[in-house]
Amino acid sequence: MEQNIKQDRICIGRNIRRIRKEKKIGQTELAALLQLEDVMMTREALVKIERGIQHIRVSQLKAIKNVLGTTYEDLFKEEA
């Protein structure tokens, strides 16, 4: 079973949203790009992850990092 990453003070979802918007990628487009990486994710699931409602799986985080061309450091950045 794959491990979920709990979002606490580290706001992974908000960081994903910020980076996605900086790169001008919509939620539907990101979900489609993730599916091309063999990571099944719906736009609805992405919305929940970005809002911190749903935990993110390790495979999802890795694929998002690759698709967005970012680093784990940027994804795990804490809020000031």
N, C-alpha and C. Protein backbone atom coordinates (compact mmCIF):
# COMPACT_ATOMS: atom_id res chain seq x y z
N MET A 1 0.83 -1.19 0.00
CA MET A 1 0.00 0.00 0.00
C MET A 1 0.88 1.25 0.00
N GLU A 2 0.49 2.19 -0.83
CA GLU A 2 1.29 3.41 -0.95
C GLU A 2 1.00 4.37 0.19
N GLN A 3 2.04 5.05 0.63
CA GLN A 3 1.92 5.96 1.75
C GLN A 3 1.35 7.31 1.32
N ASN A 4 0.49 7.85 2.17
CA ASN A 4 -0.03 9.20 1.97
C ASN A 4 0.84 10.19 2.73
N ILE A 5 0.95 11.38 2.22
CA ILE A 5 1.70 12.43 2.89
C ILE A 5 0.68 13.36 3.53
N LYS A 6 0.79 13.53 4.84
CA LYS A 6 -0.13 14.38 5.57
C LYS A 6 0.27 15.84 5.40
N GLN A 7 -0.70 16.69 5.17
CA GLN A 7 -0.42 18.11 5.02
C GLN A 7 -0.72 18.82 6.34
N ASP A 8 0.32 19.28 7.00
CA ASP A 8 0.14 20.02 8.25
C ASP A 8 0.58 21.46 8.01
N ARG A 9 1.63 21.88 8.70
CA ARG A 9 2.16 23.23 8.50
C ARG A 9 2.77 23.35 7.12
N ILE A 10 3.25 22.25 6.61
CA ILE A 10 3.79 22.25 5.25
C ILE A 10 2.58 22.20 4.32
N CYS A 11 2.38 23.24 3.59
CA CYS A 11 1.17 23.36 2.77
C CYS A 11 1.46 22.91 1.34
N ILE A 12 1.61 21.61 1.17
CA ILE A 12 1.94 21.06 -0.14
C ILE A 12 0.90 21.49 -1.17
N GLY A 13 -0.36 21.38 -0.82
CA GLY A 13 -1.43 21.73 -1.75
C GLY A 13 -1.35 23.16 -2.23
N ARG A 14 -1.13 24.07 -1.28
CA ARG A 14 -1.02 25.49 -1.65
C ARG A 14 0.21 25.74 -2.51
N ASN A 15 1.29 25.03 -2.21
CA ASN A 15 2.50 25.17 -3.03
C ASN A 15 2.26 24.65 -4.44
N ILE A 16 1.56 23.53 -4.56
CA ILE A 16 1.24 22.98 -5.89
C ILE A 16 0.43 24.01 -6.66
N ARG A 17 -0.58 24.58 -6.01
CA ARG A 17 -1.44 25.58 -6.66
C ARG A 17 -0.63 26.79 -7.12
N ARG A 18 0.25 27.29 -6.24
CA ARG A 18 1.07 28.47 -6.56
C ARG A 18 1.96 28.20 -7.76
N ILE A 19 2.66 27.07 -7.74
CA ILE A 19 3.58 26.73 -8.83
C ILE A 19 2.81 26.51 -10.13
N ARG A 20 1.68 25.81 -10.03
CA ARG A 20 0.85 25.55 -11.21
C ARG A 20 0.40 26.86 -11.84
N LYS A 21 -0.03 27.81 -11.01
CA LYS A 21 -0.49 29.10 -11.54
C LYS A 21 0.67 29.91 -12.12
N GLU A 22 1.84 29.83 -11.47
CA GLU A 22 3.02 30.54 -11.99
C GLU A 22 3.35 30.05 -13.39
N LYS A 23 3.13 28.76 -13.64
CA LYS A 23 3.45 28.16 -14.94
C LYS A 23 2.26 28.22 -15.89
N LYS A 24 1.18 28.88 -15.42
CA LYS A 24 -0.03 29.08 -16.24
C LYS A 24 -0.61 27.75 -16.76
N ILE A 25 -0.70 26.78 -15.83
CA ILE A 25 -1.28 25.47 -16.14
C ILE A 25 -2.59 25.36 -15.36
N GLY A 26 -3.67 25.04 -16.05
CA GLY A 26 -4.96 24.88 -15.40
C GLY A 26 -5.04 23.54 -14.69
N GLN A 27 -6.03 23.41 -13.80
CA GLN A 27 -6.20 22.16 -13.06
C GLN A 27 -6.51 20.99 -13.98
N THR A 28 -7.38 21.22 -14.96
CA THR A 28 -7.74 20.15 -15.90
C THR A 28 -6.51 19.72 -16.70
N GLU A 29 -5.71 20.70 -17.12
CA GLU A 29 -4.50 20.39 -17.89
C GLU A 29 -3.50 19.61 -17.05
N LEU A 30 -3.31 20.01 -15.79
CA LEU A 30 -2.38 19.29 -14.92
C LEU A 30 -2.86 17.85 -14.69
N ALA A 31 -4.15 17.67 -14.46
CA ALA A 31 -4.69 16.32 -14.28
C ALA A 31 -4.43 15.47 -15.52
N ALA A 32 -4.61 16.05 -16.70
CA ALA A 32 -4.37 15.32 -17.96
C ALA A 32 -2.89 14.98 -18.11
N LEU A 33 -2.01 15.93 -17.78
CA LEU A 33 -0.57 15.68 -17.86
C LEU A 33 -0.14 14.58 -16.89
N LEU A 34 -0.75 14.54 -15.72
CA LEU A 34 -0.44 13.49 -14.74
C LEU A 34 -0.89 12.13 -15.26
N GLN A 35 -2.02 12.09 -15.94
CA GLN A 35 -2.50 10.84 -16.50
C GLN A 35 -1.55 10.32 -17.58
N LEU A 36 -0.91 11.24 -18.30
CA LEU A 36 0.10 10.83 -19.29
C LEU A 36 1.32 10.22 -18.60
N GLU A 37 1.52 10.57 -17.32
CA GLU A 37 2.62 10.00 -16.52
C GLU A 37 2.16 8.72 -15.80
N ASP A 38 0.99 8.19 -16.18
CA ASP A 38 0.41 7.00 -15.56
C ASP A 38 0.02 7.20 -14.11
N VAL A 39 -0.32 8.43 -13.75
CA VAL A 39 -0.84 8.73 -12.42
C VAL A 39 -2.27 9.19 -12.62
N MET A 40 -3.20 8.31 -12.25
CA MET A 40 -4.61 8.63 -12.44
C MET A 40 -5.06 9.64 -11.39
N MET A 41 -5.40 10.82 -11.85
CA MET A 41 -5.89 11.86 -10.95
C MET A 41 -6.93 12.68 -11.69
N THR A 42 -8.06 12.87 -11.04
CA THR A 42 -9.10 13.71 -11.64
C THR A 42 -8.87 15.16 -11.22
N ARG A 43 -9.51 16.07 -11.92
CA ARG A 43 -9.44 17.48 -11.55
C ARG A 43 -10.00 17.65 -10.14
N GLU A 44 -11.07 16.92 -9.83
CA GLU A 44 -11.69 17.02 -8.51
C GLU A 44 -10.72 16.62 -7.39
N ALA A 45 -9.95 15.56 -7.62
CA ALA A 45 -8.96 15.12 -6.63
C ALA A 45 -7.87 16.18 -6.47
N LEU A 46 -7.45 16.78 -7.59
CA LEU A 46 -6.43 17.83 -7.55
C LEU A 46 -6.93 19.02 -6.74
N VAL A 47 -8.19 19.40 -6.94
CA VAL A 47 -8.79 20.50 -6.18
C VAL A 47 -8.71 20.20 -4.68
N LYS A 48 -9.06 18.98 -4.29
CA LYS A 48 -9.03 18.60 -2.88
C LYS A 48 -7.62 18.62 -2.32
N ILE A 49 -6.66 18.17 -3.10
CA ILE A 49 -5.25 18.19 -2.67
C ILE A 49 -4.79 19.63 -2.49
N GLU A 50 -5.10 20.49 -3.47
CA GLU A 50 -4.69 21.89 -3.39
C GLU A 50 -5.31 22.60 -2.18
N ARG A 51 -6.49 22.19 -1.80
CA ARG A 51 -7.17 22.81 -0.63
C ARG A 51 -6.75 22.16 0.68
N GLY A 52 -5.98 21.08 0.62
CA GLY A 52 -5.54 20.41 1.83
C GLY A 52 -6.58 19.50 2.44
N ILE A 53 -7.62 19.19 1.66
CA ILE A 53 -8.71 18.33 2.14
C ILE A 53 -8.33 16.86 1.99
N GLN A 54 -7.57 16.55 0.96
CA GLN A 54 -7.20 15.16 0.64
C GLN A 54 -5.69 15.01 0.73
N HIS A 55 -5.25 13.90 1.32
CA HIS A 55 -3.82 13.61 1.38
C HIS A 55 -3.32 13.31 -0.02
N ILE A 56 -2.05 13.57 -0.23
CA ILE A 56 -1.43 13.29 -1.53
C ILE A 56 -0.58 12.04 -1.41
N ARG A 57 -0.61 11.21 -2.42
CA ARG A 57 0.20 9.99 -2.43
C ARG A 57 1.60 10.33 -2.92
N VAL A 58 2.55 9.50 -2.53
CA VAL A 58 3.94 9.70 -2.91
C VAL A 58 4.08 9.72 -4.44
N SER A 59 3.42 8.77 -5.12
CA SER A 59 3.51 8.71 -6.59
C SER A 59 2.91 9.96 -7.24
N GLN A 60 1.84 10.50 -6.64
CA GLN A 60 1.23 11.72 -7.16
C GLN A 60 2.17 12.90 -7.00
N LEU A 61 2.79 13.01 -5.82
CA LEU A 61 3.71 14.11 -5.55
C LEU A 61 4.89 14.07 -6.52
N LYS A 62 5.44 12.88 -6.73
CA LYS A 62 6.59 12.73 -7.65
C LYS A 62 6.19 13.15 -9.06
N ALA A 63 5.02 12.72 -9.53
CA ALA A 63 4.57 13.06 -10.87
C ALA A 63 4.30 14.56 -10.99
N ILE A 64 3.70 15.16 -9.96
CA ILE A 64 3.44 16.60 -9.99
C ILE A 64 4.75 17.36 -10.05
N LYS A 65 5.73 16.92 -9.26
CA LYS A 65 7.06 17.56 -9.28
C LYS A 65 7.63 17.53 -10.69
N ASN A 66 7.55 16.37 -11.34
CA ASN A 66 8.11 16.21 -12.68
C ASN A 66 7.36 17.04 -13.71
N VAL A 67 6.03 16.98 -13.67
CA VAL A 67 5.21 17.70 -14.65
C VAL A 67 5.38 19.21 -14.51
N LEU A 68 5.44 19.69 -13.27
CA LEU A 68 5.58 21.13 -13.05
C LEU A 68 7.03 21.59 -13.16
N GLY A 69 7.96 20.65 -13.27
CA GLY A 69 9.38 21.00 -13.40
C GLY A 69 9.88 21.76 -12.19
N THR A 70 9.52 21.29 -11.01
CA THR A 70 9.91 21.97 -9.78
C THR A 70 10.71 21.02 -8.89
N THR A 71 10.95 21.44 -7.67
CA THR A 71 11.74 20.63 -6.73
C THR A 71 10.88 20.24 -5.53
N TYR A 72 11.32 19.21 -4.81
CA TYR A 72 10.63 18.84 -3.57
C TYR A 72 10.74 19.97 -2.56
N GLU A 73 11.87 20.68 -2.57
CA GLU A 73 12.06 21.79 -1.62
C GLU A 73 10.97 22.84 -1.81
N ASP A 74 10.67 23.15 -3.08
CA ASP A 74 9.64 24.15 -3.37
C ASP A 74 8.25 23.63 -2.98
N LEU A 75 8.00 22.33 -3.18
CA LEU A 75 6.72 21.75 -2.85
C LEU A 75 6.48 21.66 -1.34
N PHE A 76 7.58 21.48 -0.57
CA PHE A 76 7.47 21.31 0.87
C PHE A 76 7.73 22.62 1.64
N LYS A 77 7.84 23.71 0.92
CA LYS A 77 8.13 25.00 1.54
C LYS A 77 7.05 25.34 2.56
N GLU A 78 7.48 25.75 3.76
CA GLU A 78 6.54 26.12 4.82
C GLU A 78 6.08 27.55 4.61
N GLU A 79 4.89 27.83 5.13
CA GLU A 79 4.40 29.19 5.08
C GLU A 79 5.16 30.04 6.06
N ALA A 80 5.38 31.28 5.69
CA ALA A 80 6.11 32.20 6.58
C ALA A 80 5.24 32.68 7.71
